[in-house]
Amino acid sequence: MTEFEQQLVRALERREPPAGFTSRVLAAASLKPTRSRWQAWRWAFVLRAAPVMTALLVVAGGALYQNYERVERGEAAKQQLLLAVKIAGAKLYDAQQRVVSIGAIRGAGTEEEQ
């Protein structure tokens, strides 16, 4: 065996606990941890503030969602307006071309008469 293995065997050998070990462990386990006034106040504050913080988060989330919906409706209206302007422009262009063609036809007729 190597020196390391020998040290490991010695470290893991069973040993009897020192006298009074069991009573000290049980005494330490039976002690209740005491809280200072600061710790008690802090927990009371946290427990009272948690619902308030939750309500604030819900309200803030609702406001953000409403803003998101408003922006989305605005973008949809913008797209509809752009489409309407494009259609109206095309119709006006068609009407202008008809007027120009009618004017050209009438203008050609008057030149021949002169």
PDB file of N, CA and C in Angstrom:
ATOM      1  N   MET A   1       0.840  -1.183   0.000  1.00  0.00           N
ATOM      2  CA  MET A   1       0.000   0.000   0.000  1.00  0.00           C
ATOM      3  C   MET A   1       0.882   1.242   0.000  1.00  0.00           C
ATOM      4  N   THR A   2       0.366   2.259  -0.661  1.00  0.00           N
ATOM      5  CA  THR A   2       1.096   3.522  -0.691  1.00  0.00           C
ATOM      6  C   THR A   2       0.840   4.283   0.607  1.00  0.00           C
ATOM      7  N   GLU A   3       1.633   5.314   0.786  1.00  0.00           N
ATOM      8  CA  GLU A   3       1.506   6.134   1.993  1.00  0.00           C
ATOM      9  C   GLU A   3       0.119   6.791   2.054  1.00  0.00           C
ATOM     10  N   PHE A   4      -0.382   7.228   0.892  1.00  0.00           N
ATOM     11  CA  PHE A   4      -1.706   7.847   0.842  1.00  0.00           C
ATOM     12  C   PHE A   4      -2.791   6.871   1.261  1.00  0.00           C
ATOM     13  N   GLU A   5      -2.742   5.658   0.774  1.00  0.00           N
ATOM     14  CA  GLU A   5      -3.731   4.644   1.123  1.00  0.00           C
ATOM     15  C   GLU A   5      -3.684   4.321   2.609  1.00  0.00           C
ATOM     16  N   GLN A   6      -2.488   4.272   3.179  1.00  0.00           N
ATOM     17  CA  GLN A   6      -2.354   4.011   4.609  1.00  0.00           C
ATOM     18  C   GLN A   6      -2.970   5.146   5.430  1.00  0.00           C
ATOM     19  N   GLN A   7      -2.738   6.384   4.994  1.00  0.00           N
ATOM     20  CA  GLN A   7      -3.339   7.518   5.702  1.00  0.00           C
ATOM     21  C   GLN A   7      -4.866   7.469   5.600  1.00  0.00           C
ATOM     22  N   LEU A   8      -5.346   7.075   4.434  1.00  0.00           N
ATOM     23  CA  LEU A   8      -6.783   6.971   4.235  1.00  0.00           C
ATOM     24  C   LEU A   8      -7.388   5.904   5.133  1.00  0.00           C
ATOM     25  N   VAL A   9      -6.729   4.765   5.270  1.00  0.00           N
ATOM     26  CA  VAL A   9      -7.227   3.682   6.122  1.00  0.00           C
ATOM     27  C   VAL A   9      -7.249   4.151   7.573  1.00  0.00           C
ATOM     28  N   ARG A  10      -6.195   4.847   8.014  1.00  0.00           N
ATOM     29  CA  ARG A  10      -6.138   5.330   9.396  1.00  0.00           C
ATOM     30  C   ARG A  10      -7.230   6.375   9.657  1.00  0.00           C
ATOM     31  N   ALA A  11      -7.479   7.226   8.648  1.00  0.00           N
ATOM     32  CA  ALA A  11      -8.486   8.278   8.824  1.00  0.00           C
ATOM     33  C   ALA A  11      -9.894   7.700   8.888  1.00  0.00           C
ATOM     34  N   LEU A  12     -10.108   6.572   8.219  1.00  0.00           N
ATOM     35  CA  LEU A  12     -11.449   5.987   8.169  1.00  0.00           C
ATOM     36  C   LEU A  12     -11.674   4.887   9.200  1.00  0.00           C
ATOM     37  N   GLU A  13     -10.719   4.649  10.075  1.00  0.00           N
ATOM     38  CA  GLU A  13     -10.893   3.625  11.115  1.00  0.00           C
ATOM     39  C   GLU A  13     -11.986   4.070  12.086  1.00  0.00           C
ATOM     40  N   ARG A  14     -12.721   3.094  12.582  1.00  0.00           N
ATOM     41  CA  ARG A  14     -13.777   3.387  13.540  1.00  0.00           C
ATOM     42  C   ARG A  14     -13.150   3.735  14.885  1.00  0.00           C
ATOM     43  N   ARG A  15     -13.640   4.835  15.453  1.00  0.00           N
ATOM     44  CA  ARG A  15     -13.160   5.263  16.770  1.00  0.00           C
ATOM     45  C   ARG A  15     -14.356   5.538  17.653  1.00  0.00           C
ATOM     46  N   GLU A  16     -14.211   5.347  18.905  1.00  0.00           N
ATOM     47  CA  GLU A  16     -15.267   5.655  19.865  1.00  0.00           C
ATOM     48  C   GLU A  16     -15.287   7.162  20.078  1.00  0.00           C
ATOM     49  N   PRO A  17     -16.497   7.749  20.156  1.00  0.00           N
ATOM     50  CA  PRO A  17     -16.581   9.190  20.381  1.00  0.00           C
ATOM     51  C   PRO A  17     -16.113   9.534  21.794  1.00  0.00           C
ATOM     52  N   PRO A  18     -15.672  10.763  21.993  1.00  0.00           N
ATOM     53  CA  PRO A  18     -15.228  11.159  23.329  1.00  0.00           C
ATOM     54  C   PRO A  18     -16.389  11.136  24.325  1.00  0.00           C
ATOM     55  N   ALA A  19     -16.072  11.106  25.578  1.00  0.00           N
ATOM     56  CA  ALA A  19     -17.086  11.048  26.629  1.00  0.00           C
ATOM     57  C   ALA A  19     -17.947  12.305  26.588  1.00  0.00           C
ATOM     58  N   GLY A  20     -19.252  12.103  26.725  1.00  0.00           N
ATOM     59  CA  GLY A  20     -20.186  13.240  26.748  1.00  0.00           C
ATOM     60  C   GLY A  20     -20.558  13.755  25.369  1.00  0.00           C
ATOM     61  N   PHE A  21     -20.091  13.105  24.319  1.00  0.00           N
ATOM     62  CA  PHE A  21     -20.382  13.568  22.955  1.00  0.00           C
ATOM     63  C   PHE A  21     -21.884  13.535  22.664  1.00  0.00           C
ATOM     64  N   THR A  22     -22.526  12.433  23.009  1.00  0.00           N
ATOM     65  CA  THR A  22     -23.961  12.276  22.741  1.00  0.00           C
ATOM     66  C   THR A  22     -24.771  13.327  23.472  1.00  0.00           C
ATOM     67  N   SER A  23     -24.488  13.583  24.725  1.00  0.00           N
ATOM     68  CA  SER A  23     -25.254  14.567  25.487  1.00  0.00           C
ATOM     69  C   SER A  23     -25.036  15.976  24.933  1.00  0.00           C
ATOM     70  N   ARG A  24     -23.813  16.280  24.485  1.00  0.00           N
ATOM     71  CA  ARG A  24     -23.564  17.610  23.909  1.00  0.00           C
ATOM     72  C   ARG A  24     -24.329  17.797  22.600  1.00  0.00           C
ATOM     73  N   VAL A  25     -24.372  16.764  21.769  1.00  0.00           N
ATOM     74  CA  VAL A  25     -25.092  16.853  20.491  1.00  0.00           C
ATOM     75  C   VAL A  25     -26.582  17.025  20.737  1.00  0.00           C
ATOM     76  N   LEU A  26     -27.137  16.239  21.658  1.00  0.00           N
ATOM     77  CA  LEU A  26     -28.564  16.354  21.956  1.00  0.00           C
ATOM     78  C   LEU A  26     -28.900  17.707  22.569  1.00  0.00           C
ATOM     79  N   ALA A  27     -28.030  18.245  23.413  1.00  0.00           N
ATOM     80  CA  ALA A  27     -28.272  19.554  24.017  1.00  0.00           C
ATOM     81  C   ALA A  27     -28.236  20.642  22.949  1.00  0.00           C
ATOM     82  N   ALA A  28     -27.297  20.531  22.029  1.00  0.00           N
ATOM     83  CA  ALA A  28     -27.211  21.537  20.962  1.00  0.00           C
ATOM     84  C   ALA A  28     -28.415  21.442  20.027  1.00  0.00           C
ATOM     85  N   ALA A  29     -28.909  20.243  19.791  1.00  0.00           N
ATOM     86  CA  ALA A  29     -30.054  20.066  18.898  1.00  0.00           C
ATOM     87  C   ALA A  29     -31.348  20.563  19.530  1.00  0.00           C
ATOM     88  N   SER A  30     -31.432  20.519  20.840  1.00  0.00           N
ATOM     89  CA  SER A  30     -32.669  20.940  21.503  1.00  0.00           C
ATOM     90  C   SER A  30     -32.752  22.455  21.655  1.00  0.00           C
ATOM     91  N   LEU A  31     -31.670  23.170  21.462  1.00  0.00           N
ATOM     92  CA  LEU A  31     -31.701  24.631  21.567  1.00  0.00           C
ATOM     93  C   LEU A  31     -32.437  25.215  20.377  1.00  0.00           C
ATOM     94  N   LYS A  32     -33.362  26.096  20.665  1.00  0.00           N
ATOM     95  CA  LYS A  32     -34.069  26.776  19.586  1.00  0.00           C
ATOM     96  C   LYS A  32     -33.299  28.042  19.248  1.00  0.00           C
ATOM     97  N   PRO A  33     -33.123  28.291  17.980  1.00  0.00           N
ATOM     98  CA  PRO A  33     -32.414  29.525  17.631  1.00  0.00           C
ATOM     99  C   PRO A  33     -33.290  30.727  17.984  1.00  0.00           C
ATOM    100  N   THR A  34     -32.697  31.692  18.619  1.00  0.00           N
ATOM    101  CA  THR A  34     -33.444  32.882  19.010  1.00  0.00           C
ATOM    102  C   THR A  34     -33.244  33.949  17.945  1.00  0.00           C
ATOM    103  N   ARG A  35     -34.305  34.681  17.686  1.00  0.00           N
ATOM    104  CA  ARG A  35     -34.235  35.742  16.698  1.00  0.00           C
ATOM    105  C   ARG A  35     -34.133  37.075  17.422  1.00  0.00           C
ATOM    106  N   SER A  36     -33.355  37.922  16.866  1.00  0.00           N
ATOM    107  CA  SER A  36     -33.269  39.260  17.432  1.00  0.00           C
ATOM    108  C   SER A  36     -34.508  40.040  17.019  1.00  0.00           C
ATOM    109  N   ARG A  37     -34.706  41.175  17.623  1.00  0.00           N
ATOM    110  CA  ARG A  37     -35.859  42.007  17.271  1.00  0.00           C
ATOM    111  C   ARG A  37     -35.766  42.446  15.818  1.00  0.00           C
ATOM    112  N   TRP A  38     -34.560  42.714  15.358  1.00  0.00           N
ATOM    113  CA  TRP A  38     -34.372  43.144  13.965  1.00  0.00           C
ATOM    114  C   TRP A  38     -34.825  42.051  13.003  1.00  0.00           C
ATOM    115  N   GLN A  39     -34.453  40.823  13.270  1.00  0.00           N
ATOM    116  CA  GLN A  39     -34.841  39.723  12.387  1.00  0.00           C
ATOM    117  C   GLN A  39     -36.360  39.543  12.383  1.00  0.00           C
ATOM    118  N   ALA A  40     -36.970  39.633  13.547  1.00  0.00           N
ATOM    119  CA  ALA A  40     -38.421  39.485  13.630  1.00  0.00           C
ATOM    120  C   ALA A  40     -39.112  40.624  12.887  1.00  0.00           C
ATOM    121  N   TRP A  41     -38.626  41.855  13.028  1.00  0.00           N
ATOM    122  CA  TRP A  41     -39.215  42.996  12.347  1.00  0.00           C
ATOM    123  C   TRP A  41     -39.040  42.869  10.839  1.00  0.00           C
ATOM    124  N   ARG A  42     -37.854  42.402  10.435  1.00  0.00           N
ATOM    125  CA  ARG A  42     -37.575  42.263   9.010  1.00  0.00           C
ATOM    126  C   ARG A  42     -38.528  41.258   8.363  1.00  0.00           C
ATOM    127  N   TRP A  43     -38.746  40.138   9.025  1.00  0.00           N
ATOM    128  CA  TRP A  43     -39.660  39.137   8.464  1.00  0.00           C
ATOM    129  C   TRP A  43     -41.093  39.653   8.440  1.00  0.00           C
ATOM    130  N   ALA A  44     -41.485  40.396   9.472  1.00  0.00           N
ATOM    131  CA  ALA A  44     -42.829  40.970   9.481  1.00  0.00           C
ATOM    132  C   ALA A  44     -42.984  41.955   8.321  1.00  0.00           C
ATOM    133  N   PHE A  45     -41.969  42.754   8.068  1.00  0.00           N
ATOM    134  CA  PHE A  45     -42.006  43.704   6.959  1.00  0.00           C
ATOM    135  C   PHE A  45     -42.087  42.978   5.620  1.00  0.00           C
ATOM    136  N   VAL A  46     -41.299  41.934   5.462  1.00  0.00           N
ATOM    137  CA  VAL A  46     -41.300  41.172   4.203  1.00  0.00           C
ATOM    138  C   VAL A  46     -42.669  40.541   3.969  1.00  0.00           C
ATOM    139  N   LEU A  47     -43.245  39.975   5.017  1.00  0.00           N
ATOM    140  CA  LEU A  47     -44.543  39.324   4.872  1.00  0.00           C
ATOM    141  C   LEU A  47     -45.657  40.324   4.568  1.00  0.00           C
ATOM    142  N   ARG A  48     -45.523  41.548   5.075  1.00  0.00           N
ATOM    143  CA  ARG A  48     -46.535  42.564   4.777  1.00  0.00           C
ATOM    144  C   ARG A  48     -46.293  43.211   3.421  1.00  0.00           C
ATOM    145  N   ALA A  49     -45.038  43.309   3.006  1.00  0.00           N
ATOM    146  CA  ALA A  49     -44.707  43.979   1.748  1.00  0.00           C
ATOM    147  C   ALA A  49     -44.910  43.067   0.534  1.00  0.00           C
ATOM    148  N   ALA A  50     -44.894  41.768   0.731  1.00  0.00           N
ATOM    149  CA  ALA A  50     -45.010  40.840  -0.405  1.00  0.00           C
ATOM    150  C   ALA A  50     -46.322  41.028  -1.189  1.00  0.00           C
ATOM    151  N   PRO A  51     -47.477  41.109  -0.553  1.00  0.00           N
ATOM    152  CA  PRO A  51     -48.704  41.329  -1.339  1.00  0.00           C
ATOM    153  C   PRO A  51     -48.714  42.683  -2.051  1.00  0.00           C
ATOM    154  N   VAL A  52     -48.156  43.691  -1.404  1.00  0.00           N
ATOM    155  CA  VAL A  52     -48.108  45.016  -2.030  1.00  0.00           C
ATOM    156  C   VAL A  52     -47.235  44.976  -3.278  1.00  0.00           C
ATOM    157  N   MET A  53     -46.077  44.344  -3.173  1.00  0.00           N
ATOM    158  CA  MET A  53     -45.175  44.234  -4.314  1.00  0.00           C
ATOM    159  C   MET A  53     -45.826  43.416  -5.429  1.00  0.00           C
ATOM    160  N   THR A  54     -46.543  42.366  -5.069  1.00  0.00           N
ATOM    161  CA  THR A  54     -47.226  41.553  -6.074  1.00  0.00           C
ATOM    162  C   THR A  54     -48.281  42.386  -6.799  1.00  0.00           C
ATOM    163  N   ALA A  55     -49.036  43.161  -6.053  1.00  0.00           N
ATOM    164  CA  ALA A  55     -50.056  44.012  -6.669  1.00  0.00           C
ATOM    165  C   ALA A  55     -49.419  45.039  -7.601  1.00  0.00           C
ATOM    166  N   LEU A  56     -48.300  45.623  -7.179  1.00  0.00           N
ATOM    167  CA  LEU A  56     -47.611  46.592  -8.029  1.00  0.00           C
ATOM    168  C   LEU A  56     -47.119  45.939  -9.313  1.00  0.00           C
ATOM    169  N   LEU A  57     -46.602  44.738  -9.215  1.00  0.00           N
ATOM    170  CA  LEU A  57     -46.138  44.032 -10.409  1.00  0.00           C
ATOM    171  C   LEU A  57     -47.295  43.736 -11.357  1.00  0.00           C
ATOM    172  N   VAL A  58     -48.432  43.357 -10.806  1.00  0.00           N
ATOM    173  CA  VAL A  58     -49.598  43.064 -11.644  1.00  0.00           C
ATOM    174  C   VAL A  58     -50.073  44.333 -12.347  1.00  0.00           C
ATOM    175  N   VAL A  59     -50.133  45.435 -11.617  1.00  0.00           N
ATOM    176  CA  VAL A  59     -50.577  46.700 -12.205  1.00  0.00           C
ATOM    177  C   VAL A  59     -49.588  47.161 -13.277  1.00  0.00           C
ATOM    178  N   ALA A  60     -48.304  47.078 -12.984  1.00  0.00           N
ATOM    179  CA  ALA A  60     -47.295  47.490 -13.964  1.00  0.00           C
ATOM    180  C   ALA A  60     -47.348  46.600 -15.200  1.00  0.00           C
ATOM    181  N   GLY A  61     -47.528  45.313 -14.997  1.00  0.00           N
ATOM    182  CA  GLY A  61     -47.651  44.400 -16.135  1.00  0.00           C
ATOM    183  C   GLY A  61     -48.869  44.720 -16.979  1.00  0.00           C
ATOM    184  N   GLY A  62     -49.981  45.038 -16.336  1.00  0.00           N
ATOM    185  CA  GLY A  62     -51.193  45.418 -17.067  1.00  0.00           C
ATOM    186  C   GLY A  62     -50.992  46.692 -17.868  1.00  0.00           C
ATOM    187  N   ALA A  63     -50.323  47.663 -17.275  1.00  0.00           N
ATOM    188  CA  ALA A  63     -50.065  48.914 -17.987  1.00  0.00           C
ATOM    189  C   ALA A  63     -49.161  48.679 -19.190  1.00  0.00           C
ATOM    190  N   LEU A  64     -48.142  47.862 -19.018  1.00  0.00           N
ATOM    191  CA  LEU A  64     -47.249  47.551 -20.140  1.00  0.00           C
ATOM    192  C   LEU A  64     -47.996  46.821 -21.245  1.00  0.00           C
ATOM    193  N   TYR A  65     -48.878  45.911 -20.879  1.00  0.00           N
ATOM    194  CA  TYR A  65     -49.637  45.177 -21.880  1.00  0.00           C
ATOM    195  C   TYR A  65     -50.592  46.101 -22.626  1.00  0.00           C
ATOM    196  N   GLN A  66     -51.242  47.018 -21.915  1.00  0.00           N
ATOM    197  CA  GLN A  66     -52.134  47.973 -22.569  1.00  0.00           C
ATOM    198  C   GLN A  66     -51.361  48.844 -23.551  1.00  0.00           C
ATOM    199  N   ASN A  67     -50.164  49.269 -23.167  1.00  0.00           N
ATOM    200  CA  ASN A  67     -49.331  50.072 -24.059  1.00  0.00           C
ATOM    201  C   ASN A  67     -48.957  49.264 -25.298  1.00  0.00           C
ATOM    202  N   TYR A  68     -48.626  48.006 -25.110  1.00  0.00           N
ATOM    203  CA  TYR A  68     -48.286  47.131 -26.236  1.00  0.00           C
ATOM    204  C   TYR A  68     -49.480  46.996 -27.178  1.00  0.00           C
ATOM    205  N   GLU A  69     -50.660  46.784 -26.632  1.00  0.00           N
ATOM    206  CA  GLU A  69     -51.862  46.658 -27.456  1.00  0.00           C
ATOM    207  C   GLU A  69     -52.145  47.956 -28.212  1.00  0.00           C
ATOM    208  N   ARG A  70     -51.950  49.104 -27.566  1.00  0.00           N
ATOM    209  CA  ARG A  70     -52.181  50.392 -28.213  1.00  0.00           C
ATOM    210  C   ARG A  70     -51.235  50.575 -29.388  1.00  0.00           C
ATOM    211  N   VAL A  71     -49.982  50.226 -29.200  1.00  0.00           N
ATOM    212  CA  VAL A  71     -48.996  50.339 -30.279  1.00  0.00           C
ATOM    213  C   VAL A  71     -49.365  49.406 -31.428  1.00  0.00           C
ATOM    214  N   GLU A  72     -49.779  48.186 -31.104  1.00  0.00           N
ATOM    215  CA  GLU A  72     -50.161  47.235 -32.147  1.00  0.00           C
ATOM    216  C   GLU A  72     -51.369  47.738 -32.939  1.00  0.00           C
ATOM    217  N   ARG A  73     -52.372  48.303 -32.256  1.00  0.00           N
ATOM    218  CA  ARG A  73     -53.535  48.859 -32.956  1.00  0.00           C
ATOM    219  C   ARG A  73     -53.123  50.028 -33.840  1.00  0.00           C
ATOM    220  N   GLY A  74     -52.205  50.853 -33.343  1.00  0.00           N
ATOM    221  CA  GLY A  74     -51.707  51.982 -34.134  1.00  0.00           C
ATOM    222  C   GLY A  74     -50.987  51.525 -35.390  1.00  0.00           C
ATOM    223  N   GLU A  75     -50.170  50.484 -35.259  1.00  0.00           N
ATOM    224  CA  GLU A  75     -49.460  49.952 -36.424  1.00  0.00           C
ATOM    225  C   GLU A  75     -50.436  49.362 -37.438  1.00  0.00           C
ATOM    226  N   ALA A  76     -51.472  48.674 -36.963  1.00  0.00           N
ATOM    227  CA  ALA A  76     -52.480  48.109 -37.874  1.00  0.00           C
ATOM    228  C   ALA A  76     -53.224  49.232 -38.598  1.00  0.00           C
ATOM    229  N   ALA A  77     -53.586  50.294 -37.879  1.00  0.00           N
ATOM    230  CA  ALA A  77     -54.270  51.426 -38.504  1.00  0.00           C
ATOM    231  C   ALA A  77     -53.365  52.102 -39.531  1.00  0.00           C
ATOM    232  N   LYS A  78     -52.093  52.203 -39.231  1.00  0.00           N
ATOM    233  CA  LYS A  78     -51.133  52.798 -40.166  1.00  0.00           C
ATOM    234  C   LYS A  78     -51.073  51.992 -41.460  1.00  0.00           C
ATOM    235  N   GLN A  79     -51.007  50.670 -41.328  1.00  0.00           N
ATOM    236  CA  GLN A  79     -50.961  49.818 -42.511  1.00  0.00           C
ATOM    237  C   GLN A  79     -52.239  49.953 -43.336  1.00  0.00           C
ATOM    238  N   GLN A  80     -53.389  50.031 -42.671  1.00  0.00           N
ATOM    239  CA  GLN A  80     -54.650  50.199 -43.388  1.00  0.00           C
ATOM    240  C   GLN A  80     -54.697  51.541 -44.107  1.00  0.00           C
ATOM    241  N   LEU A  81     -54.209  52.599 -43.447  1.00  0.00           N
ATOM    242  CA  LEU A  81     -54.187  53.920 -44.057  1.00  0.00           C
ATOM    243  C   LEU A  81     -53.276  53.952 -45.271  1.00  0.00           C
ATOM    244  N   LEU A  82     -52.104  53.348 -45.168  1.00  0.00           N
ATOM    245  CA  LEU A  82     -51.187  53.307 -46.306  1.00  0.00           C
ATOM    246  C   LEU A  82     -51.799  52.554 -47.481  1.00  0.00           C
ATOM    247  N   LEU A  83     -52.487  51.465 -47.213  1.00  0.00           N
ATOM    248  CA  LEU A  83     -53.152  50.716 -48.275  1.00  0.00           C
ATOM    249  C   LEU A  83     -54.255  51.555 -48.918  1.00  0.00           C
ATOM    250  N   ALA A  84     -55.036  52.272 -48.097  1.00  0.00           N
ATOM    251  CA  ALA A  84     -56.106  53.118 -48.622  1.00  0.00           C
ATOM    252  C   ALA A  84     -55.535  54.236 -49.482  1.00  0.00           C
ATOM    253  N   VAL A  85     -54.443  54.844 -49.063  1.00  0.00           N
ATOM    254  CA  VAL A  85     -53.820  55.915 -49.844  1.00  0.00           C
ATOM    255  C   VAL A  85     -53.282  55.355 -51.161  1.00  0.00           C
ATOM    256  N   LYS A  86     -52.714  54.172 -51.116  1.00  0.00           N
ATOM    257  CA  LYS A  86     -52.194  53.546 -52.335  1.00  0.00           C
ATOM    258  C   LYS A  86     -53.325  53.260 -53.324  1.00  0.00           C
ATOM    259  N   ILE A  87     -54.437  52.719 -52.828  1.00  0.00           N
ATOM    260  CA  ILE A  87     -55.593  52.436 -53.693  1.00  0.00           C
ATOM    261  C   ILE A  87     -56.160  53.732 -54.254  1.00  0.00           C
ATOM    262  N   ALA A  88     -56.310  54.752 -53.392  1.00  0.00           N
ATOM    263  CA  ALA A  88     -56.846  56.040 -53.848  1.00  0.00           C
ATOM    264  C   ALA A  88     -55.924  56.661 -54.888  1.00  0.00           C
ATOM    265  N   GLY A  89     -54.621  56.553 -54.691  1.00  0.00           N
ATOM    266  CA  GLY A  89     -53.666  57.091 -55.672  1.00  0.00           C
ATOM    267  C   GLY A  89     -53.785  56.389 -57.012  1.00  0.00           C
ATOM    268  N   ALA A  90     -53.950  55.081 -56.981  1.00  0.00           N
ATOM    269  CA  ALA A  90     -54.112  54.329 -58.226  1.00  0.00           C
ATOM    270  C   ALA A  90     -55.395  54.730 -58.937  1.00  0.00           C
ATOM    271  N   LYS A  91     -56.489  54.894 -58.213  1.00  0.00           N
ATOM    272  CA  LYS A  91     -57.762  55.303 -58.813  1.00  0.00           C
ATOM    273  C   LYS A  91     -57.659  56.709 -59.398  1.00  0.00           C
ATOM    274  N   LEU A  92     -57.002  57.621 -58.674  1.00  0.00           N
ATOM    275  CA  LEU A  92     -56.826  58.984 -59.185  1.00  0.00           C
ATOM    276  C   LEU A  92     -55.966  58.988 -60.448  1.00  0.00           C
ATOM    277  N   TYR A  93     -54.939  58.142 -60.471  1.00  0.00           N
ATOM    278  CA  TYR A  93     -54.091  58.052 -61.655  1.00  0.00           C
ATOM    279  C   TYR A  93     -54.903  57.548 -62.852  1.00  0.00           C
ATOM    280  N   ASP A  94     -55.746  56.521 -62.623  1.00  0.00           N
ATOM    281  CA  ASP A  94     -56.597  56.015 -63.702  1.00  0.00           C
ATOM    282  C   ASP A  94     -57.543  57.110 -64.199  1.00  0.00           C
ATOM    283  N   ALA A  95     -58.151  57.859 -63.279  1.00  0.00           N
ATOM    284  CA  ALA A  95     -59.065  58.931 -63.667  1.00  0.00           C
ATOM    285  C   ALA A  95     -58.321  60.006 -64.439  1.00  0.00           C
ATOM    286  N   GLN A  96     -57.131  60.353 -64.011  1.00  0.00           N
ATOM    287  CA  GLN A  96     -56.336  61.372 -64.701  1.00  0.00           C
ATOM    288  C   GLN A  96     -56.005  60.907 -66.115  1.00  0.00           C
ATOM    289  N   GLN A  97     -55.640  59.649 -66.268  1.00  0.00           N
ATOM    290  CA  GLN A  97     -55.322  59.127 -67.590  1.00  0.00           C
ATOM    291  C   GLN A  97     -56.548  59.162 -68.497  1.00  0.00           C
ATOM    292  N   ARG A  98     -57.725  58.876 -67.982  1.00  0.00           N
ATOM    293  CA  ARG A  98     -58.952  58.944 -68.772  1.00  0.00           C
ATOM    294  C   ARG A  98     -59.245  60.374 -69.210  1.00  0.00           C
ATOM    295  N   VAL A  99     -59.073  61.315 -68.267  1.00  0.00           N
ATOM    296  CA  VAL A  99     -59.308  62.722 -68.596  1.00  0.00           C
ATOM    297  C   VAL A  99     -58.332  63.173 -69.668  1.00  0.00           C
ATOM    298  N   VAL A 100     -57.077  62.798 -69.536  1.00  0.00           N
ATOM    299  CA  VAL A 100     -56.071  63.182 -70.518  1.00  0.00           C
ATOM    300  C   VAL A 100     -56.392  62.569 -71.875  1.00  0.00           C
ATOM    301  N   SER A 101     -56.792  61.297 -71.892  1.00  0.00           N
ATOM    302  CA  SER A 101     -57.109  60.646 -73.167  1.00  0.00           C
ATOM    303  C   SER A 101     -58.363  61.268 -73.804  1.00  0.00           C
ATOM    304  N   ILE A 102     -59.353  61.607 -72.978  1.00  0.00           N
ATOM    305  CA  ILE A 102     -60.557  62.267 -73.514  1.00  0.00           C
ATOM    306  C   ILE A 102     -60.185  63.639 -74.050  1.00  0.00           C
ATOM    307  N   GLY A 103     -59.341  64.359 -73.343  1.00  0.00           N
ATOM    308  CA  GLY A 103     -58.890  65.683 -73.800  1.00  0.00           C
ATOM    309  C   GLY A 103     -58.096  65.576 -75.086  1.00  0.00           C
ATOM    310  N   ALA A 104     -57.291  64.520 -75.203  1.00  0.00           N
ATOM    311  CA  ALA A 104     -56.506  64.344 -76.429  1.00  0.00           C
ATOM    312  C   ALA A 104     -57.408  64.033 -77.605  1.00  0.00           C
ATOM    313  N   ILE A 105     -58.436  63.227 -77.367  1.00  0.00           N
ATOM    314  CA  ILE A 105     -59.370  62.866 -78.441  1.00  0.00           C
ATOM    315  C   ILE A 105     -60.157  64.114 -78.871  1.00  0.00           C
ATOM    316  N   ARG A 106     -60.659  64.876 -77.937  1.00  0.00           N
ATOM    317  CA  ARG A 106     -61.422  66.087 -78.261  1.00  0.00           C
ATOM    318  C   ARG A 106     -60.515  67.147 -78.882  1.00  0.00           C
ATOM    319  N   GLY A 107     -59.303  67.233 -78.364  1.00  0.00           N
ATOM    320  CA  GLY A 107     -58.353  68.210 -78.918  1.00  0.00           C
ATOM    321  C   GLY A 107     -57.987  67.873 -80.343  1.00  0.00           C
ATOM    322  N   ALA A 108     -57.869  66.592 -80.655  1.00  0.00           N
ATOM    323  CA  ALA A 108     -57.537  66.170 -82.013  1.00  0.00           C
ATOM    324  C   ALA A 108     -58.687  66.478 -82.933  1.00  0.00           C
ATOM    325  N   GLY A 109     -59.901  66.339 -82.469  1.00  0.00           N
ATOM    326  CA  GLY A 109     -61.072  66.616 -83.288  1.00  0.00           C
ATOM    327  C   GLY A 109     -61.213  68.092 -83.598  1.00  0.00           C
ATOM    328  N   THR A 110     -60.874  68.953 -82.685  1.00  0.00           N
ATOM    329  CA  THR A 110     -61.009  70.383 -82.917  1.00  0.00           C
ATOM    330  C   THR A 110     -59.925  70.882 -83.851  1.00  0.00           C
ATOM    331  N   GLU A 111     -58.780  70.283 -83.863  1.00  0.00           N
ATOM    332  CA  GLU A 111     -57.697  70.714 -84.746  1.00  0.00           C
ATOM    333  C   GLU A 111     -58.050  70.369 -86.184  1.00  0.00           C
ATOM    334  N   GLU A 112     -58.704  69.245 -86.405  1.00  0.00           N
ATOM    335  CA  GLU A 112     -59.065  68.831 -87.746  1.00  0.00           C
ATOM    336  C   GLU A 112     -60.163  69.737 -88.304  1.00  0.00           C
ATOM    337  N   GLU A 113     -61.026  70.210 -87.438  1.00  0.00           N
ATOM    338  CA  GLU A 113     -62.117  71.069 -87.890  1.00  0.00           C
ATOM    339  C   GLU A 113     -61.610  72.423 -88.322  1.00  0.00           C
ATOM    340  N   GLN A 114     -60.518  72.890 -87.781  1.00  0.00           N
ATOM    341  CA  GLN A 114     -60.020  74.232 -88.094  1.00  0.00           C
ATOM    342  C   GLN A 114     -59.380  74.267 -89.401  1.00  0.00           C
TER     343      GLN A 114
END
